[in-house]
Amino acid sequence: MGLIRTIILARFLFPEDFGQIGIVITILTLLDCFSQFGFSQALIQRKDHDEQYLDTIWTASLIRSVMLFTVVFGAAPLVATFFEIDRLAAIMRAVAVSVLLGGFTNVGVVLLQKELNFKKIFLFESISSFAELTVSLTAAYYLRNVWALVFGGITVNLSRLLLSYLLSPYRPSLRIDMAKFNELFKFGRWVLFSGVVITMITQGDSIFVGKVFGDTAMGYYPLN
């Protein structure tokens, strides 16, 4: 579905459309890596779990998403000025909403991975991808601009949010157990450190390309 989506969108959209969303995603990835504590991986690694672990992970993820939303939404005009692309601010704020939706995703999805429930994992991934494919291609046909990519991104996160509660019976609560938080962080901090290093190495050049050569060049760059 990803291949089909890319081929068809390349027919309807311009390189600068892909470049603009590429700039936004690169910035979001850089911000995300500094707050990715690896709690999901820590839970999967543990032999046992209880509701306090799950609620702590979900609450921490929600707080993290709210903070990312606030930073991305507030920094949008500055980023648009830096890259000298006026509509980049509106794109960033729309993507920020998508980030916020992701924060409400049911932590029970992690249990599907821990339990190797491949049927539900397949449904979770394939249905959300199909929803993104449908919305992004429909929007691209009518709009012929970058907003097709933005709406597709919002759709996939909204779909994952809804599916996470349909496919998992667990219902998270808003609470943090600091003892459980510290225990998870001892494992997850290595995910954080490795994520920061890898992201800086792989994404730093994209910021340079977007700033120096513009959004059109940025649209071609990830293809190389």
Protein backbone atom coordinates (compact mmCIF):
# COMPACT_ATOMS: atom_id res chain seq x y z
CA MET A 1 0.00 0.00 0.00
CA GLY A 2 2.91 2.32 0.74
CA LEU A 3 4.37 1.67 -2.71
CA ILE A 4 1.02 2.27 -4.43
CA ARG A 5 0.51 5.45 -2.41
CA THR A 6 3.94 6.84 -3.36
CA ILE A 7 3.57 6.08 -7.07
CA ILE A 8 0.12 7.68 -7.36
CA LEU A 9 0.94 10.71 -5.20
CA ALA A 10 4.02 11.34 -7.35
CA ARG A 11 1.62 11.72 -10.27
CA PHE A 12 -0.64 14.28 -8.56
CA LEU A 13 1.78 16.30 -6.40
CA PHE A 14 4.90 18.39 -6.99
CA PRO A 15 8.37 17.83 -5.48
CA GLU A 16 7.98 20.92 -3.28
CA ASP A 17 4.89 19.32 -1.69
CA PHE A 18 6.95 16.31 -0.62
CA GLY A 19 9.76 18.66 0.39
CA GLN A 20 7.56 20.74 2.69
CA ILE A 21 6.11 17.75 4.51
CA GLY A 22 9.62 16.29 4.60
CA ILE A 23 10.91 19.37 6.43
CA VAL A 24 8.10 19.18 8.98
CA ILE A 25 8.60 15.44 9.58
CA THR A 26 12.36 15.93 9.95
CA ILE A 27 11.87 18.60 12.62
CA LEU A 28 9.27 16.49 14.37
CA THR A 29 11.60 13.48 14.32
CA LEU A 30 14.40 15.52 15.88
CA LEU A 31 12.09 16.75 18.66
CA ASP A 32 10.60 13.30 19.14
CA CYS A 33 13.94 11.55 19.64
CA PHE A 34 14.75 13.68 22.70
CA SER A 35 11.56 12.56 24.44
CA GLN A 36 11.41 8.91 23.36
CA PHE A 37 12.02 7.03 26.61
CA GLY A 38 11.62 3.51 25.21
CA PHE A 39 8.94 2.51 27.72
CA SER A 40 7.16 0.28 25.20
CA GLN A 41 10.35 -1.67 24.55
CA ALA A 42 10.95 -1.92 28.29
CA LEU A 43 7.47 -3.38 28.83
CA ILE A 44 7.94 -5.92 26.05
CA GLN A 45 11.28 -6.95 27.56
CA ARG A 46 9.78 -7.56 31.01
CA LYS A 47 8.48 -11.04 31.85
CA ASP A 48 5.52 -9.64 33.79
CA HIS A 49 3.42 -6.49 33.86
CA ASP A 50 0.49 -5.02 35.75
CA GLU A 51 -1.91 -2.12 35.40
CA GLN A 52 0.46 0.27 37.16
CA TYR A 53 3.09 -0.29 34.46
CA LEU A 54 0.57 0.15 31.68
CA ASP A 55 -1.03 3.27 33.13
CA THR A 56 2.38 4.80 33.81
CA ILE A 57 3.45 4.24 30.20
CA TRP A 58 0.18 5.60 28.80
CA THR A 59 0.17 8.68 31.03
CA ALA A 60 3.83 9.45 30.30
CA SER A 61 3.16 9.05 26.56
CA LEU A 62 0.17 11.38 26.76
CA ILE A 63 2.13 14.05 28.64
CA ARG A 64 4.94 13.70 26.12
CA SER A 65 2.53 14.16 23.19
CA VAL A 66 0.96 17.24 24.77
CA MET A 67 4.41 18.77 25.23
CA LEU A 68 5.41 17.96 21.65
CA PHE A 69 2.13 19.40 20.39
CA THR A 70 2.73 22.62 22.33
CA VAL A 71 6.32 23.00 21.11
CA VAL A 72 5.55 22.20 17.46
CA PHE A 73 2.42 24.37 17.39
CA GLY A 74 4.20 27.31 19.02
CA ALA A 75 7.40 27.04 16.96
CA ALA A 76 5.57 26.80 13.63
CA PRO A 77 5.94 30.50 12.65
CA LEU A 78 9.65 30.47 13.54
CA VAL A 79 10.26 27.39 11.42
CA ALA A 80 8.37 28.93 8.49
CA THR A 81 10.53 32.04 8.76
CA PHE A 82 13.75 30.00 9.01
CA PHE A 83 13.00 28.03 5.84
CA GLU A 84 11.30 31.02 4.16
CA ILE A 85 8.17 29.01 3.33
CA ASP A 86 4.97 30.80 4.38
CA ARG A 87 2.54 27.86 4.50
CA LEU A 88 4.96 25.74 6.52
CA ALA A 89 3.47 27.18 9.72
CA ALA A 90 -0.03 25.92 8.91
CA ILE A 91 1.35 22.51 7.91
CA MET A 92 3.29 22.19 11.16
CA ARG A 93 0.26 23.06 13.26
CA ALA A 94 -1.86 20.47 11.45
CA VAL A 95 0.84 17.84 12.00
CA ALA A 96 0.96 18.86 15.67
CA VAL A 97 -2.70 17.83 15.97
CA SER A 98 -1.74 14.43 14.54
CA VAL A 99 0.95 14.10 17.20
CA LEU A 100 -1.58 14.90 19.92
CA LEU A 101 -3.93 12.20 18.64
CA GLY A 102 -1.11 9.68 18.81
CA GLY A 103 -0.66 10.37 22.49
CA PHE A 104 -4.12 9.01 23.29
CA THR A 105 -3.46 5.65 21.59
CA ASN A 106 -4.25 2.73 23.90
CA VAL A 107 -1.13 1.26 25.52
CA GLY A 108 -2.83 -2.13 25.15
CA VAL A 109 -1.39 -2.21 21.61
CA VAL A 110 2.02 -2.84 23.20
CA LEU A 111 0.59 -5.96 24.85
CA LEU A 112 -0.37 -7.26 21.40
CA GLN A 113 3.32 -7.14 20.47
CA LYS A 114 4.38 -8.63 23.79
CA GLU A 115 1.92 -11.51 23.35
CA LEU A 116 2.85 -11.96 19.65
CA ASN A 117 -0.78 -11.52 18.64
CA PHE A 118 0.03 -11.19 14.94
CA LYS A 119 -3.58 -11.27 13.79
CA LYS A 120 -4.52 -8.14 15.70
CA ILE A 121 -1.18 -6.50 14.89
CA PHE A 122 -1.88 -7.12 11.20
CA LEU A 123 -5.36 -5.61 11.50
CA PHE A 124 -3.98 -2.61 13.40
CA GLU A 125 -1.31 -1.89 10.81
CA SER A 126 -3.20 -2.76 7.62
CA ILE A 127 -6.49 -1.01 8.38
CA SER A 128 -4.78 2.22 9.44
CA SER A 129 -2.54 2.08 6.35
CA PHE A 130 -5.54 1.51 4.08
CA ALA A 131 -7.36 4.47 5.66
CA GLU A 132 -4.31 6.67 5.07
CA LEU A 133 -4.06 5.43 1.48
CA THR A 134 -7.72 6.21 0.78
CA VAL A 135 -7.71 9.68 2.31
CA SER A 136 -4.37 10.82 0.93
CA LEU A 137 -5.15 9.68 -2.63
CA THR A 138 -8.65 11.18 -2.57
CA ALA A 139 -7.30 14.48 -1.22
CA ALA A 140 -4.47 14.46 -3.77
CA TYR A 141 -6.93 14.01 -6.63
CA TYR A 142 -9.02 17.02 -5.57
CA LEU A 143 -6.48 19.32 -3.91
CA ARG A 144 -3.24 18.59 -5.82
CA ASN A 145 -1.07 19.98 -3.02
CA VAL A 146 0.78 19.12 0.20
CA TRP A 147 -2.42 18.97 2.26
CA ALA A 148 -3.12 15.53 0.83
CA LEU A 149 -0.04 14.29 2.70
CA VAL A 150 -1.05 16.15 5.85
CA PHE A 151 -4.58 14.74 5.87
CA GLY A 152 -3.19 11.28 5.24
CA GLY A 153 -0.94 11.59 8.29
CA ILE A 154 -3.79 12.76 10.50
CA THR A 155 -5.94 9.89 9.24
CA VAL A 156 -3.40 7.19 10.09
CA ASN A 157 -3.01 8.46 13.67
CA LEU A 158 -6.77 8.82 14.14
CA SER A 159 -7.27 5.30 12.78
CA ARG A 160 -4.61 3.89 15.10
CA LEU A 161 -6.26 5.66 18.03
CA LEU A 162 -9.67 4.13 17.31
CA LEU A 163 -8.31 0.69 16.45
CA SER A 164 -6.20 0.56 19.61
CA TYR A 165 -9.37 0.60 21.71
CA LEU A 166 -11.27 -1.77 19.43
CA LEU A 167 -8.54 -4.42 19.29
CA SER A 168 -7.37 -4.29 22.91
CA PRO A 169 -9.69 -4.79 25.91
CA TYR A 170 -7.39 -2.82 28.20
CA ARG A 171 -8.56 0.65 29.25
CA PRO A 172 -5.78 2.92 30.57
CA SER A 173 -6.13 5.37 33.45
CA LEU A 174 -4.40 8.69 33.97
CA ARG A 175 -1.85 7.93 36.70
CA ILE A 176 1.92 7.61 37.15
CA ASP A 177 3.69 5.35 39.61
CA MET A 178 7.13 6.94 40.01
CA ALA A 179 8.71 3.67 41.17
CA LYS A 180 7.48 1.96 38.00
CA PHE A 181 8.51 5.00 35.93
CA ASN A 182 12.09 4.85 37.23
CA GLU A 183 12.24 1.10 36.70
CA LEU A 184 11.12 1.42 33.09
CA PHE A 185 13.46 4.35 32.47
CA LYS A 186 16.51 2.35 33.56
CA PHE A 187 15.95 0.13 30.54
CA GLY A 188 14.42 2.71 28.22
CA ARG A 189 17.15 5.33 28.63
CA TRP A 190 19.39 3.34 26.30
CA VAL A 191 16.67 3.52 23.67
CA LEU A 192 16.62 7.29 24.23
CA PHE A 193 20.39 7.68 23.90
CA SER A 194 20.67 5.48 20.81
CA GLY A 195 17.66 7.20 19.24
CA VAL A 196 19.18 10.66 19.70
CA VAL A 197 22.51 9.61 18.17
CA ILE A 198 20.94 7.81 15.19
CA THR A 199 18.44 10.61 14.51
CA MET A 200 21.09 13.33 14.59
CA ILE A 201 23.23 11.35 12.14
CA THR A 202 20.41 10.47 9.74
CA GLN A 203 18.31 13.66 9.87
CA GLY A 204 20.84 16.47 10.26
CA ASP A 205 21.62 16.58 6.55
CA SER A 206 17.93 16.96 5.69
CA ILE A 207 17.74 20.22 7.67
CA PHE A 208 20.77 21.48 5.72
CA VAL A 209 19.24 20.54 2.35
CA GLY A 210 15.89 22.13 3.21
CA LYS A 211 17.47 25.38 4.37
CA VAL A 212 20.14 25.82 1.69
CA PHE A 213 18.50 24.33 -1.40
CA GLY A 214 14.78 24.77 -0.63
CA ASP A 215 11.67 22.61 -0.52
CA THR A 216 11.93 21.35 -4.12
CA ALA A 217 15.38 19.88 -3.51
CA MET A 218 14.12 18.46 -0.23
CA GLY A 219 11.37 16.68 -2.15
CA TYR A 220 13.94 14.86 -4.29
CA TYR A 221 16.51 14.30 -1.56
CA PRO A 222 14.92 11.36 0.35
CA LEU A 223 14.73 9.45 -2.93
CA ASN A 224 18.54 9.34 -3.21
